[in-house]
Amino acid sequence: MKAMMLKQLCNLAENRSPLVPVEMAPPVPGAGEVLVRVSACGVCHTELDEIEGRTPPPALPVVPGHQVVGRVVQNGPGAGRFRVGERVGIAWISAACGRCRYCRNGEENLCEGFVATGRDVHGGYAEFMTVAQDFGHRIPETFTDCEAAPLLCAGAIGWRSLRLTGLKNGQNLGLTGFGASAHLVLKTARHKFPGSKVFVFARSPREQAFALELGAVWAGGSQEAAPEKLHGIIDTTPAWKPVVAALDNLAAGGRLVINAIRKEEADKDALLALDYPRHLWMEKEIKSVANVARQDVREFLQVAAEIPLKPEVQEYRLEDANTALVELKEGKIRGAKVLGLHP
């Protein structure tokens, strides 16, 4: 099978082709696993974090990709949850221990044994992959394969982030950064909180115009002051300056939710500008988002189907994965980037 493989960590500013096209044998499904013929795989900022070493794979080489849609072509021993030919989605969570207190309490995203698709095991930048049947997800019929792919991570992690803000209908929501996840959060928030106004902070006029097009009441630069204080803000950027700016825009008692698996180091000295009475006092909160649980994915797929929520998608061929990653790194974004593998 064809796959795009990461063989060594690198800086995309120095190496614009970090993934190498390879031919490899299709995997064989083990007990309780299914073999999936991949039809679409979303391209996520977390792949940049893997490639550049902020959340490095435990072993190389590895096939990235964790927003995967395909069809079951073979059941391994004991697997029967999905029929051969049935469509299945695969998200960032590939496995968890199932025994620790986090798993028992429905917080498997915090499990120390958390296994990430496309980092700890081979992912969806390939023609085939395997997944444990209990970690596969049924895809509502309303979505095409390429539409469904970003829902599995950008959508699901955005859904978790939105819930963690504690937002109530009528309260103001801010979105810092406007890529795959944030544009889905905006659409979801307008449906779930029709009385709330959404304010978007984005670095490019193109992203700001896109946010207004999707229903934001205001869009400005990432360092600008919003015209109103915000009760909840979700930060999806890889940088630190937007965090400080978001705290400045937060209302008393508001919460900033940081939706990023890692932050880059380039502007970390921006934290030295933190002023306690201005940025943190008045019971402001900061909360991070760590991974997703299966329930996040399944809840969001149902919510997205009910809306219905259709992501904005830019499609690329599998062999153009490096192009998609570099464009993501450079901020050339409108919605979500997806690799389309099969018709």
Protein backbone atom coordinates (compact mmCIF):
# COMPACT_ATOMS: atom_id res chain seq x y z
CA MET A 1 0.00 0.00 0.00
CA LYS A 2 0.99 3.65 -0.44
CA ALA A 3 1.73 5.71 2.66
CA MET A 4 3.37 8.98 3.66
CA MET A 5 5.85 8.24 6.43
CA LEU A 6 7.72 10.35 8.97
CA LYS A 7 11.24 8.96 9.30
CA GLN A 8 12.94 11.74 11.24
CA LEU A 9 11.98 14.88 13.15
CA CYS A 10 12.70 18.20 11.50
CA ASN A 11 11.81 21.88 11.32
CA LEU A 12 9.42 22.62 8.46
CA ALA A 13 11.12 25.95 7.90
CA GLU A 14 14.21 23.97 6.91
CA ASN A 15 12.61 20.85 5.41
CA ARG A 16 9.39 21.38 3.46
CA SER A 17 9.03 17.67 2.67
CA PRO A 18 9.17 15.95 6.07
CA LEU A 19 7.07 12.98 4.95
CA VAL A 20 8.46 10.36 2.58
CA PRO A 21 6.24 8.38 0.15
CA VAL A 22 6.68 4.64 0.74
CA GLU A 23 5.22 1.31 -0.32
CA MET A 24 4.50 -1.01 2.59
CA ALA A 25 2.46 -4.13 3.25
CA PRO A 26 -1.11 -3.49 4.44
CA PRO A 27 -1.47 -4.18 8.18
CA VAL A 28 -3.18 -7.35 9.39
CA PRO A 29 -6.02 -6.84 11.91
CA GLY A 30 -5.40 -8.49 15.27
CA ALA A 31 -7.93 -9.72 17.80
CA GLY A 32 -10.80 -7.25 18.14
CA GLU A 33 -9.45 -5.07 15.33
CA VAL A 34 -10.74 -4.08 11.90
CA LEU A 35 -8.81 -3.33 8.73
CA VAL A 36 -9.96 -0.07 7.16
CA ARG A 37 -9.44 1.07 3.58
CA VAL A 38 -8.86 4.81 4.06
CA SER A 39 -10.85 7.22 1.91
CA ALA A 40 -10.07 10.53 3.65
CA CYS A 41 -7.74 11.79 6.36
CA GLY A 42 -7.72 15.27 7.86
CA VAL A 43 -4.51 17.27 8.25
CA CYS A 44 -4.09 18.62 11.79
CA HIS A 45 -1.75 21.04 13.54
CA THR A 46 -0.84 18.19 15.88
CA GLU A 47 0.98 16.60 12.95
CA LEU A 48 3.20 19.69 12.92
CA ASP A 49 3.85 19.18 16.64
CA GLU A 50 4.82 15.57 15.94
CA ILE A 51 7.09 16.40 13.00
CA GLU A 52 8.84 19.26 14.79
CA GLY A 53 9.28 17.32 18.02
CA ARG A 54 6.94 19.10 20.42
CA THR A 55 4.98 15.87 20.90
CA PRO A 56 7.31 13.39 19.23
CA PRO A 57 6.33 9.84 18.30
CA PRO A 58 7.80 7.30 20.74
CA ALA A 59 9.38 5.48 17.80
CA LEU A 60 10.18 6.23 14.16
CA PRO A 61 9.26 5.70 11.42
CA VAL A 62 5.52 6.30 11.80
CA VAL A 63 2.61 7.07 9.50
CA PRO A 64 0.79 10.20 10.80
CA GLY A 65 -2.91 11.03 10.55
CA HIS A 66 -5.71 10.83 13.10
CA GLN A 67 -8.86 12.17 11.39
CA VAL A 68 -9.58 9.09 9.33
CA VAL A 69 -12.64 7.93 7.41
CA GLY A 70 -12.79 4.66 5.52
CA ARG A 71 -14.57 1.37 5.07
CA VAL A 72 -14.04 -1.91 6.83
CA VAL A 73 -12.53 -4.52 4.52
CA GLN A 74 -11.69 -7.21 7.08
CA ASN A 75 -12.57 -8.12 10.65
CA GLY A 76 -9.88 -9.57 12.87
CA PRO A 77 -10.55 -12.47 15.27
CA GLY A 78 -13.45 -11.65 17.59
CA ALA A 79 -14.34 -8.39 15.83
CA GLY A 80 -17.95 -7.97 14.77
CA ARG A 81 -19.06 -4.48 15.74
CA PHE A 82 -18.74 -3.27 12.15
CA ARG A 83 -19.83 -5.07 8.99
CA VAL A 84 -17.44 -5.43 6.07
CA GLY A 85 -18.16 -2.44 3.83
CA GLU A 86 -19.43 -0.28 6.69
CA ARG A 87 -18.03 3.25 7.01
CA VAL A 88 -15.95 3.94 10.11
CA GLY A 89 -14.18 6.95 11.59
CA ILE A 90 -10.92 6.87 13.54
CA ALA A 91 -9.94 9.71 15.87
CA TRP A 92 -6.91 10.76 17.95
CA ILE A 93 -7.72 8.29 20.72
CA SER A 94 -6.62 4.83 19.59
CA ALA A 95 -6.57 3.11 22.99
CA ALA A 96 -6.60 3.66 26.76
CA CYS A 97 -6.02 1.27 29.63
CA GLY A 98 -9.71 0.99 30.59
CA ARG A 99 -8.80 0.32 34.23
CA CYS A 100 -7.47 3.52 35.83
CA ARG A 101 -9.69 5.98 37.69
CA TYR A 102 -9.77 8.28 34.68
CA CYS A 103 -11.02 5.57 32.35
CA ARG A 104 -13.57 4.38 34.93
CA ASN A 105 -14.89 7.95 35.27
CA GLY A 106 -15.24 8.56 31.52
CA GLU A 107 -12.06 10.65 31.39
CA GLU A 108 -10.01 8.25 29.27
CA ASN A 109 -8.45 11.26 27.56
CA LEU A 110 -6.39 11.72 30.76
CA CYS A 111 -5.29 8.09 31.01
CA GLU A 112 -1.53 7.57 31.40
CA GLY A 113 -1.89 4.70 28.93
CA PHE A 114 -3.49 6.93 26.27
CA VAL A 115 -2.45 5.80 22.78
CA ALA A 116 -2.62 8.37 19.98
CA THR A 117 -3.48 7.46 16.39
CA GLY A 118 -0.78 8.53 13.96
CA ARG A 119 1.78 9.16 16.71
CA ASP A 120 1.99 6.09 18.93
CA VAL A 121 0.63 3.78 16.19
CA HIS A 122 0.41 4.14 12.41
CA GLY A 123 -2.35 6.45 11.24
CA GLY A 124 -4.34 7.47 8.20
CA TYR A 125 -1.80 9.00 5.80
CA ALA A 126 -1.98 5.62 4.08
CA GLU A 127 -4.29 3.48 1.99
CA PHE A 128 -5.06 1.07 4.84
CA MET A 129 -4.87 1.06 8.63
CA THR A 130 -6.16 -1.00 11.55
CA VAL A 131 -8.06 0.12 14.64
CA ALA A 132 -9.55 -1.63 17.67
CA GLN A 133 -13.26 -1.94 16.93
CA ASP A 134 -14.19 -0.26 20.24
CA PHE A 135 -12.29 2.85 19.15
CA GLY A 136 -13.98 3.15 15.76
CA HIS A 137 -16.92 5.51 15.20
CA ARG A 138 -19.95 5.27 12.95
CA ILE A 139 -20.28 8.22 10.59
CA PRO A 140 -23.74 9.79 10.01
CA GLU A 141 -24.88 9.46 6.41
CA THR A 142 -25.31 13.22 6.00
CA PHE A 143 -21.54 13.71 5.61
CA THR A 144 -19.26 12.84 2.74
CA ASP A 145 -15.97 11.18 3.66
CA CYS A 146 -14.02 14.42 3.31
CA GLU A 147 -16.61 16.37 5.30
CA ALA A 148 -16.57 13.78 8.08
CA ALA A 149 -12.79 13.62 8.51
CA PRO A 150 -12.26 16.98 10.29
CA LEU A 151 -15.22 16.30 12.58
CA LEU A 152 -13.22 13.49 14.21
CA CYS A 153 -10.56 15.77 15.71
CA ALA A 154 -11.00 19.45 14.86
CA GLY A 155 -14.71 19.09 15.54
CA ALA A 156 -14.54 16.77 18.55
CA ILE A 157 -11.78 18.73 20.32
CA GLY A 158 -13.64 21.95 19.54
CA TRP A 159 -16.79 20.44 21.07
CA ARG A 160 -14.88 19.49 24.22
CA SER A 161 -13.35 22.99 24.36
CA LEU A 162 -16.75 24.64 23.99
CA ARG A 163 -18.16 22.56 26.85
CA LEU A 164 -15.15 23.40 29.03
CA THR A 165 -15.76 27.16 28.67
CA GLY A 166 -18.97 26.69 30.69
CA LEU A 167 -20.63 29.16 28.31
CA LYS A 168 -24.32 29.93 28.83
CA ASN A 169 -26.69 31.17 26.17
CA GLY A 170 -26.39 34.93 25.83
CA GLN A 171 -22.78 35.09 27.01
CA ASN A 172 -20.01 36.27 24.68
CA LEU A 173 -17.62 33.72 23.16
CA GLY A 174 -14.19 34.53 21.76
CA LEU A 175 -12.18 32.38 19.34
CA THR A 176 -8.46 33.05 19.05
CA GLY A 177 -7.13 31.56 15.82
CA PHE A 178 -9.49 30.57 13.04
CA GLY A 179 -8.52 27.26 11.49
CA ALA A 180 -10.20 23.88 11.23
CA SER A 181 -11.33 23.61 14.85
CA ALA A 182 -12.40 27.21 15.43
CA HIS A 183 -14.55 27.44 12.31
CA LEU A 184 -16.45 24.35 13.47
CA VAL A 185 -16.80 25.77 16.99
CA LEU A 186 -18.28 28.97 15.56
CA LYS A 187 -20.90 27.03 13.60
CA THR A 188 -21.67 24.82 16.61
CA ALA A 189 -21.90 27.75 19.04
CA ARG A 190 -24.35 29.59 16.82
CA HIS A 191 -26.59 26.52 16.93
CA LYS A 192 -26.22 25.65 20.64
CA PHE A 193 -26.13 29.23 21.95
CA PRO A 194 -28.27 31.32 19.58
CA GLY A 195 -28.31 34.26 21.99
CA SER A 196 -24.52 34.45 22.24
CA LYS A 197 -22.25 36.63 20.16
CA VAL A 198 -19.00 35.24 18.75
CA PHE A 199 -15.87 37.38 18.43
CA VAL A 200 -12.90 36.10 16.40
CA PHE A 201 -9.22 37.00 16.67
CA ALA A 202 -7.24 35.94 13.59
CA ARG A 203 -3.91 36.96 12.12
CA SER A 204 -4.95 37.41 8.49
CA PRO A 205 -7.66 39.57 6.89
CA ARG A 206 -8.72 36.49 4.90
CA GLU A 207 -9.40 34.52 8.09
CA GLN A 208 -11.20 37.50 9.61
CA ALA A 209 -13.44 37.82 6.53
CA PHE A 210 -14.16 34.08 6.65
CA ALA A 211 -15.21 34.37 10.31
CA LEU A 212 -17.61 37.21 9.51
CA GLU A 213 -18.96 35.19 6.60
CA LEU A 214 -19.78 32.34 9.01
CA GLY A 215 -21.59 34.60 11.49
CA ALA A 216 -19.06 36.19 13.84
CA VAL A 217 -20.24 39.63 15.00
CA TRP A 218 -16.68 40.98 15.04
CA ALA A 219 -13.28 39.87 13.75
CA GLY A 220 -9.92 41.49 14.36
CA GLY A 221 -6.23 40.82 14.84
CA SER A 222 -4.97 38.46 17.51
CA GLN A 223 -3.65 41.37 19.62
CA GLU A 224 -6.70 43.62 19.29
CA ALA A 225 -9.18 44.51 22.01
CA ALA A 226 -12.68 43.18 21.43
CA PRO A 227 -15.50 45.74 21.58
CA GLU A 228 -17.03 43.80 24.50
CA LYS A 229 -15.64 41.65 27.30
CA LEU A 230 -15.90 37.91 26.71
CA HIS A 231 -17.18 35.26 29.11
CA GLY A 232 -15.39 32.37 27.42
CA ILE A 233 -12.48 32.28 24.99
CA ILE A 234 -11.04 29.29 23.13
CA ASP A 235 -7.44 29.63 21.97
CA THR A 236 -6.40 27.32 19.11
CA THR A 237 -3.10 28.99 18.22
CA PRO A 238 0.42 27.56 18.62
CA ALA A 239 1.65 30.86 20.11
CA TRP A 240 1.78 32.63 23.51
CA LYS A 241 1.00 36.25 22.60
CA PRO A 242 -2.66 35.39 21.86
CA VAL A 243 -2.95 33.85 25.35
CA VAL A 244 -1.96 37.11 27.03
CA ALA A 245 -4.24 39.09 24.72
CA ALA A 246 -7.14 36.73 25.42
CA LEU A 247 -6.77 37.19 29.18
CA ASP A 248 -6.99 40.94 28.61
CA ASN A 249 -10.28 40.44 26.74
CA LEU A 250 -11.76 38.10 29.35
CA ALA A 251 -14.60 39.27 31.57
CA ALA A 252 -14.43 38.89 35.35
CA GLY A 253 -15.09 35.25 36.23
CA GLY A 254 -14.49 34.23 32.59
CA ARG A 255 -12.53 31.21 31.40
CA LEU A 256 -9.83 30.85 28.77
CA VAL A 257 -9.65 27.34 27.32
CA ILE A 258 -6.38 26.53 25.54
CA ASN A 259 -7.01 23.98 22.79
CA ALA A 260 -3.45 23.05 21.83
CA ILE A 261 -1.48 19.91 22.53
CA ARG A 262 1.73 21.98 22.65
CA LYS A 263 2.77 25.62 22.32
CA GLU A 264 5.75 26.71 20.25
CA GLU A 265 8.73 28.43 21.89
CA ALA A 266 9.21 31.36 19.50
CA ASP A 267 7.25 33.98 21.46
CA LYS A 268 7.26 32.43 24.94
CA ASP A 269 8.78 35.62 26.39
CA ALA A 270 5.35 37.21 25.81
CA LEU A 271 4.38 35.65 29.15
CA LEU A 272 6.67 38.18 30.85
CA ALA A 273 4.05 40.80 29.97
CA LEU A 274 1.47 39.15 32.23
CA ASP A 275 0.13 41.71 34.67
CA TYR A 276 -1.72 40.06 37.54
CA PRO A 277 -4.45 42.68 38.18
CA ARG A 278 -5.07 43.19 34.47
CA HIS A 279 -4.84 39.66 33.14
CA LEU A 280 -5.57 37.21 35.97
CA TRP A 281 -7.37 38.91 38.86
CA MET A 282 -11.17 38.93 39.27
CA GLU A 283 -11.37 35.12 39.29
CA LYS A 284 -10.38 34.60 35.68
CA GLU A 285 -9.53 30.99 34.84
CA ILE A 286 -7.24 29.18 32.43
CA LYS A 287 -8.00 25.58 31.49
CA SER A 288 -6.23 23.33 29.00
CA VAL A 289 -7.77 20.66 26.80
CA ALA A 290 -6.03 17.28 26.84
CA ASN A 291 -6.88 14.90 24.01
CA VAL A 292 -10.42 13.62 23.43
CA ALA A 293 -12.46 10.76 24.81
CA ARG A 294 -14.55 8.48 22.60
CA GLN A 295 -17.67 10.09 24.03
CA ASP A 296 -16.55 13.51 22.75
CA VAL A 297 -16.27 12.14 19.23
CA ARG A 298 -19.60 10.33 19.29
CA GLU A 299 -21.50 13.24 20.87
CA PHE A 300 -20.10 15.69 18.38
CA LEU A 301 -20.88 13.52 15.35
CA GLN A 302 -24.50 13.40 16.55
CA VAL A 303 -24.65 17.16 17.18
CA ALA A 304 -23.03 17.88 13.82
CA ALA A 305 -25.57 15.68 12.04
CA GLU A 306 -28.47 17.39 13.81
CA ILE A 307 -27.38 20.92 12.87
CA PRO A 308 -26.30 19.78 10.15
CA LEU A 309 -22.78 21.16 10.31
CA LYS A 310 -20.76 20.97 7.10
CA PRO A 311 -17.06 21.80 7.41
CA GLU A 312 -15.30 23.97 4.85
CA VAL A 313 -12.78 21.60 3.26
CA GLN A 314 -9.68 21.97 1.09
CA GLU A 315 -8.87 18.60 -0.47
CA TYR A 316 -5.39 17.29 -1.36
CA ARG A 317 -4.04 14.02 -2.77
CA LEU A 318 -2.18 11.70 -0.41
CA GLU A 319 1.09 12.43 -2.19
CA ASP A 320 0.54 16.16 -1.58
CA ALA A 321 0.47 15.77 2.20
CA ASN A 322 3.67 17.80 2.58
CA THR A 323 2.11 20.71 0.68
CA ALA A 324 -0.91 20.67 2.99
CA LEU A 325 1.33 20.59 6.08
CA VAL A 326 3.50 23.50 4.91
CA GLU A 327 0.43 25.57 4.07
CA LEU A 328 -0.94 24.83 7.53
CA LYS A 329 2.37 25.89 9.08
CA GLU A 330 2.33 29.12 7.06
CA GLY A 331 -1.26 29.95 8.00
CA LYS A 332 -2.75 29.40 4.55
CA ILE A 333 -6.02 28.14 5.96
CA ARG A 334 -9.68 28.24 5.04
CA GLY A 335 -11.53 25.64 7.08
CA ALA A 336 -9.96 22.17 7.20
CA LYS A 337 -7.38 20.45 5.01
CA VAL A 338 -8.16 16.83 4.04
CA LEU A 339 -6.27 14.17 2.10
CA GLY A 340 -8.65 12.37 -0.27
CA LEU A 341 -7.41 8.84 -0.96
CA HIS A 342 -10.20 7.05 -2.80
CA PRO A 343 -13.38 8.01 -4.65
